[in-house]
Amino acid sequence: MPVKDVAEFNRAIVDATNDLVCAYKPQLAFYEALGIEGLRALAATVDHIRKVAADVVVVGDAKRGDIDSTAEAYARAMFDVWGFDVVTVHAYLGRESIEPFLTRPGRGVLVVCRTSNPGARELQDLRLVPATSRNGGGPAPRLFEHVAAQAARWNRGGNVGIVVGATYPDELAELRKAHPELVVLVPGVGAQGGDVERAARAGVNSDGRGVMISASRSVIYASSDSGKYPDAARAAATKLRDQIRAALGEAA
């Protein structure tokens, strides 16, 4: 960062970009790694977003997921203590691991489904059952497809979405076609190499909505100059927004 104070840095980024974005997504690991001071900076950041951008969604990128009693504690922490609107979660333990997150009015989850990292295929591409045992002998669903289908079943309150990396645009398009009702968080553009235009076109629903394109390092670290980084962040965010609009055309 071009300044040492995390909260100061974040406030400047938020002030420079809040009219351009639909959400902010603090990644908890980086704050936790700084200890108590990092958590104080996170609290100050969320408070500032609420003051200057009350209509912007705050996503707690925590990727929680555990047995029901622990999940309940996580849900209290994420919603009641930190005040996030939405939390990223893992669903490997099944519905009980996310159920506590679904009972608070106006709050929701984004289920990790198809991630943008190179190692994603090691598990997420696995087929669930032999193809010969399915109707017509067609291919069995891959694990990430099954996760998306489960998320759609859990979406009774309209507060469940999925996370699909921009580095897999073909899979993103397949999941959007299969689940037009789900909101999709799409990380992986910018520093991770995902194509903005392809991700936007693949991720939107028929109304040109339902997708959140996430860029982190490419925006917040657009400049290392302490006097210029807010303007550089705004320029990077504006460029990203314009790329999304251009890709979607009238649908945007």
Protein backbone atom coordinates (compact mmCIF):
# COMPACT_ATOMS: atom_id res chain seq x y z
CA MET A 1 0.00 0.00 0.00
CA PRO A 2 1.18 3.55 -0.66
CA VAL A 3 0.18 4.51 2.92
CA LYS A 4 0.75 2.50 6.10
CA ASP A 5 -2.69 2.86 7.69
CA VAL A 6 -5.05 0.20 6.31
CA ALA A 7 -8.24 2.03 7.28
CA GLU A 8 -6.99 5.26 5.75
CA PHE A 9 -6.09 3.44 2.55
CA ASN A 10 -9.51 1.78 2.37
CA ARG A 11 -11.43 4.97 3.09
CA ALA A 12 -9.67 6.70 0.20
CA ILE A 13 -10.47 3.81 -2.15
CA VAL A 14 -14.12 3.80 -1.09
CA ASP A 15 -14.45 7.58 -1.42
CA ALA A 16 -12.98 7.42 -4.92
CA THR A 17 -15.12 4.55 -6.23
CA ASN A 18 -18.42 4.26 -4.36
CA ASP A 19 -20.51 5.76 -7.17
CA LEU A 20 -19.15 3.18 -9.62
CA VAL A 21 -19.66 -0.11 -7.80
CA CYS A 22 -22.47 -2.42 -6.69
CA ALA A 23 -20.48 -3.98 -3.86
CA TYR A 24 -17.30 -4.04 -1.82
CA LYS A 25 -15.75 -7.39 -0.90
CA PRO A 26 -13.21 -7.29 1.94
CA GLN A 27 -11.25 -10.54 2.13
CA LEU A 28 -11.07 -11.39 5.83
CA ALA A 29 -7.84 -13.37 5.65
CA PHE A 30 -5.75 -10.27 4.95
CA TYR A 31 -7.22 -8.44 7.95
CA GLU A 32 -6.89 -11.43 10.25
CA ALA A 33 -3.24 -11.75 9.22
CA LEU A 34 -2.64 -8.29 10.73
CA GLY A 35 -4.04 -9.32 14.12
CA ILE A 36 -6.19 -7.04 16.25
CA GLU A 37 -5.15 -3.94 14.33
CA GLY A 38 -6.25 -5.58 11.12
CA LEU A 39 -9.67 -6.38 12.57
CA ARG A 40 -10.02 -2.78 13.76
CA ALA A 41 -9.21 -1.63 10.24
CA LEU A 42 -11.88 -3.96 8.85
CA ALA A 43 -14.47 -2.60 11.28
CA ALA A 44 -13.54 0.98 10.36
CA THR A 45 -13.78 0.10 6.66
CA VAL A 46 -17.27 -1.40 6.95
CA ASP A 47 -18.43 1.56 9.03
CA HIS A 48 -17.13 3.99 6.42
CA ILE A 49 -18.86 2.15 3.58
CA ARG A 50 -22.14 2.35 5.50
CA LYS A 51 -21.70 6.11 5.98
CA VAL A 52 -20.79 7.11 2.43
CA ALA A 53 -22.35 4.32 0.34
CA ALA A 54 -25.38 3.03 2.21
CA ASP A 55 -26.86 1.33 -0.87
CA VAL A 56 -23.71 -0.60 -1.75
CA VAL A 57 -23.65 -4.27 -0.76
CA VAL A 58 -20.84 -5.38 1.56
CA VAL A 59 -19.68 -8.95 0.90
CA GLY A 60 -17.70 -10.63 3.67
CA ASP A 61 -15.31 -12.84 1.73
CA ALA A 62 -14.81 -15.34 4.53
CA LYS A 63 -15.54 -18.69 2.83
CA ARG A 64 -17.01 -20.20 5.97
CA GLY A 65 -18.44 -23.72 6.16
CA ASP A 66 -18.67 -26.10 9.11
CA ILE A 67 -21.09 -28.22 11.17
CA ASP A 68 -24.36 -26.61 12.16
CA SER A 69 -23.38 -25.37 15.64
CA THR A 70 -20.17 -23.80 14.34
CA ALA A 71 -21.95 -22.42 11.29
CA GLU A 72 -24.44 -20.71 13.60
CA ALA A 73 -21.56 -18.99 15.40
CA TYR A 74 -20.03 -17.98 12.08
CA ALA A 75 -23.37 -16.54 10.94
CA ARG A 76 -23.69 -14.49 14.12
CA ALA A 77 -20.18 -13.19 13.65
CA MET A 78 -20.56 -12.32 9.99
CA PHE A 79 -24.01 -10.72 10.18
CA ASP A 80 -24.57 -9.59 13.77
CA VAL A 81 -21.03 -8.51 14.66
CA TRP A 82 -19.46 -7.45 11.37
CA GLY A 83 -22.70 -6.45 9.67
CA PHE A 84 -22.01 -7.95 6.25
CA ASP A 85 -24.90 -8.22 3.81
CA VAL A 86 -23.60 -11.35 2.11
CA VAL A 87 -20.99 -13.95 3.04
CA THR A 88 -19.04 -16.37 0.85
CA VAL A 89 -19.36 -19.96 2.06
CA HIS A 90 -18.20 -23.48 1.27
CA ALA A 91 -20.95 -26.11 1.05
CA TYR A 92 -18.83 -29.25 1.34
CA LEU A 93 -20.63 -30.16 4.58
CA GLY A 94 -24.06 -29.84 2.96
CA ARG A 95 -27.08 -27.69 3.68
CA GLU A 96 -26.59 -27.67 7.45
CA SER A 97 -23.33 -25.77 6.98
CA ILE A 98 -25.11 -22.83 5.34
CA GLU A 99 -28.58 -23.05 6.87
CA PRO A 100 -27.76 -20.60 9.71
CA PHE A 101 -26.77 -18.00 7.12
CA LEU A 102 -30.14 -18.19 5.34
CA THR A 103 -32.49 -17.27 8.19
CA ARG A 104 -31.72 -13.55 8.56
CA PRO A 105 -33.96 -11.22 6.53
CA GLY A 106 -32.08 -9.29 3.90
CA ARG A 107 -28.86 -11.32 4.26
CA GLY A 108 -27.52 -14.08 2.07
CA VAL A 109 -24.67 -16.28 0.91
CA LEU A 110 -22.55 -16.86 -2.16
CA VAL A 111 -21.65 -20.53 -2.41
CA VAL A 112 -18.18 -21.29 -3.74
CA CYS A 113 -18.81 -23.30 -6.90
CA ARG A 114 -16.25 -22.97 -9.70
CA THR A 115 -13.11 -21.22 -8.55
CA SER A 116 -10.57 -19.32 -10.64
CA ASN A 117 -7.38 -20.95 -9.37
CA PRO A 118 -5.40 -23.41 -11.56
CA GLY A 119 -5.91 -26.30 -9.14
CA ALA A 120 -9.70 -26.05 -9.24
CA ARG A 121 -9.98 -28.97 -11.64
CA GLU A 122 -8.45 -31.42 -9.14
CA LEU A 123 -11.80 -31.77 -7.36
CA GLN A 124 -14.35 -29.59 -9.09
CA ASP A 125 -14.21 -31.47 -12.40
CA LEU A 126 -14.84 -34.88 -10.86
CA ARG A 127 -17.91 -36.71 -12.19
CA LEU A 128 -20.27 -37.85 -9.46
CA VAL A 129 -21.39 -41.26 -10.76
CA PRO A 130 -20.61 -43.47 -13.78
CA ALA A 131 -22.36 -42.17 -16.86
CA THR A 132 -23.83 -45.60 -17.62
CA SER A 133 -25.94 -45.48 -14.47
CA ARG A 134 -27.73 -42.30 -15.49
CA ASN A 135 -30.78 -41.87 -17.69
CA GLY A 136 -29.80 -42.36 -21.30
CA GLY A 137 -26.17 -42.95 -20.40
CA GLY A 138 -25.31 -39.26 -20.62
CA PRO A 139 -22.40 -37.72 -18.77
CA ALA A 140 -22.73 -37.46 -15.03
CA PRO A 141 -22.63 -33.95 -13.54
CA ARG A 142 -19.29 -32.61 -12.43
CA LEU A 143 -18.91 -31.67 -8.79
CA PHE A 144 -19.19 -27.93 -9.44
CA GLU A 145 -22.39 -28.48 -11.43
CA HIS A 146 -23.85 -30.44 -8.54
CA VAL A 147 -22.89 -27.64 -6.11
CA ALA A 148 -24.67 -25.09 -8.31
CA ALA A 149 -27.76 -27.31 -8.49
CA GLN A 150 -27.79 -27.63 -4.71
CA ALA A 151 -27.43 -23.86 -4.32
CA ALA A 152 -30.45 -23.41 -6.58
CA ARG A 153 -32.46 -25.80 -4.38
CA TRP A 154 -31.40 -23.89 -1.26
CA ASN A 155 -32.41 -20.58 -2.83
CA ARG A 156 -35.98 -20.67 -1.51
CA GLY A 157 -35.64 -17.22 0.01
CA GLY A 158 -33.92 -15.67 -3.00
CA ASN A 159 -30.75 -15.13 -0.97
CA VAL A 160 -28.36 -17.76 -2.35
CA GLY A 161 -25.90 -17.17 -5.16
CA ILE A 162 -22.74 -18.86 -6.44
CA VAL A 163 -19.10 -17.97 -7.01
CA VAL A 164 -17.70 -18.79 -10.45
CA GLY A 165 -14.24 -17.69 -11.56
CA ALA A 166 -13.76 -15.52 -14.63
CA THR A 167 -10.98 -17.82 -15.80
CA TYR A 168 -13.60 -20.45 -16.72
CA PRO A 169 -16.01 -18.50 -18.97
CA ASP A 170 -17.39 -21.57 -20.73
CA GLU A 171 -18.39 -23.18 -17.45
CA LEU A 172 -19.80 -19.84 -16.31
CA ALA A 173 -22.02 -19.70 -19.39
CA GLU A 174 -23.20 -23.28 -18.77
CA LEU A 175 -24.07 -22.52 -15.16
CA ARG A 176 -25.90 -19.32 -16.08
CA LYS A 177 -27.99 -21.22 -18.63
CA ALA A 178 -28.83 -23.89 -16.07
CA HIS A 179 -29.58 -21.44 -13.23
CA PRO A 180 -30.88 -18.12 -14.58
CA GLU A 181 -32.24 -17.17 -11.15
CA LEU A 182 -28.95 -17.21 -9.24
CA VAL A 183 -26.74 -14.20 -8.63
CA VAL A 184 -23.18 -15.00 -9.66
CA LEU A 185 -20.06 -13.46 -8.13
CA VAL A 186 -17.26 -13.59 -10.69
CA PRO A 187 -13.75 -13.08 -9.29
CA GLY A 188 -10.58 -13.55 -11.27
CA VAL A 189 -10.49 -10.59 -13.68
CA GLY A 190 -7.48 -8.31 -13.63
CA ALA A 191 -4.52 -9.79 -11.77
CA GLN A 192 -5.75 -13.39 -12.17
CA GLY A 193 -6.11 -13.04 -15.92
CA GLY A 194 -9.84 -13.50 -16.47
CA ASP A 195 -11.34 -11.81 -19.54
CA VAL A 196 -13.78 -9.09 -18.46
CA GLU A 197 -15.88 -9.07 -21.61
CA ARG A 198 -16.30 -12.84 -21.79
CA ALA A 199 -17.11 -13.07 -18.10
CA ALA A 200 -19.73 -10.34 -18.32
CA ARG A 201 -21.47 -11.84 -21.33
CA ALA A 202 -21.38 -15.34 -19.87
CA GLY A 203 -22.56 -14.30 -16.42
CA VAL A 204 -25.57 -12.07 -16.99
CA ASN A 205 -29.14 -13.30 -17.02
CA SER A 206 -31.67 -12.44 -19.71
CA ASP A 207 -32.23 -9.02 -18.14
CA GLY A 208 -28.55 -8.14 -18.36
CA ARG A 209 -28.19 -8.44 -14.59
CA GLY A 210 -27.45 -10.99 -11.89
CA VAL A 211 -23.65 -10.86 -12.08
CA MET A 212 -21.05 -9.16 -9.89
CA ILE A 213 -17.66 -8.78 -11.59
CA SER A 214 -14.99 -8.60 -8.89
CA ALA A 215 -11.64 -6.90 -9.33
CA SER A 216 -9.32 -6.38 -6.38
CA ARG A 217 -5.59 -5.90 -6.90
CA SER A 218 -5.97 -4.31 -10.33
CA VAL A 219 -8.04 -1.52 -8.76
CA ILE A 220 -6.74 -0.95 -5.26
CA TYR A 221 -3.08 -1.20 -6.28
CA ALA A 222 -3.43 0.79 -9.50
CA SER A 223 -0.83 3.21 -8.13
CA SER A 224 1.82 3.09 -5.42
CA ASP A 225 1.97 6.89 -5.18
CA SER A 226 0.52 8.12 -1.89
CA GLY A 227 -0.89 11.21 -3.54
CA LYS A 228 -2.33 9.57 -6.64
CA TYR A 229 -3.64 6.14 -5.65
CA PRO A 230 -7.30 7.19 -5.09
CA ASP A 231 -7.52 8.73 -8.56
CA ALA A 232 -5.74 5.73 -10.07
CA ALA A 233 -8.20 3.37 -8.36
CA ARG A 234 -11.10 5.38 -9.70
CA ALA A 235 -9.66 5.28 -13.21
CA ALA A 236 -9.20 1.51 -13.01
CA ALA A 237 -12.72 0.97 -11.68
CA THR A 238 -14.17 3.25 -14.36
CA LYS A 239 -12.32 1.32 -17.06
CA LEU A 240 -13.68 -1.95 -15.73
CA ARG A 241 -17.24 -0.62 -15.59
CA ASP A 242 -16.96 0.68 -19.15
CA GLN A 243 -15.61 -2.67 -20.35
CA ILE A 244 -18.59 -4.43 -18.80
CA ARG A 245 -21.04 -2.00 -20.37
CA ALA A 246 -19.39 -2.31 -23.77
CA ALA A 247 -19.51 -6.10 -23.58
CA LEU A 248 -23.19 -6.15 -22.70
CA GLY A 249 -24.33 -3.39 -25.04
CA GLU A 250 -27.99 -2.53 -24.59
CA ALA A 251 -28.39 -5.24 -21.94
CA ALA A 252 -26.14 -3.21 -19.60
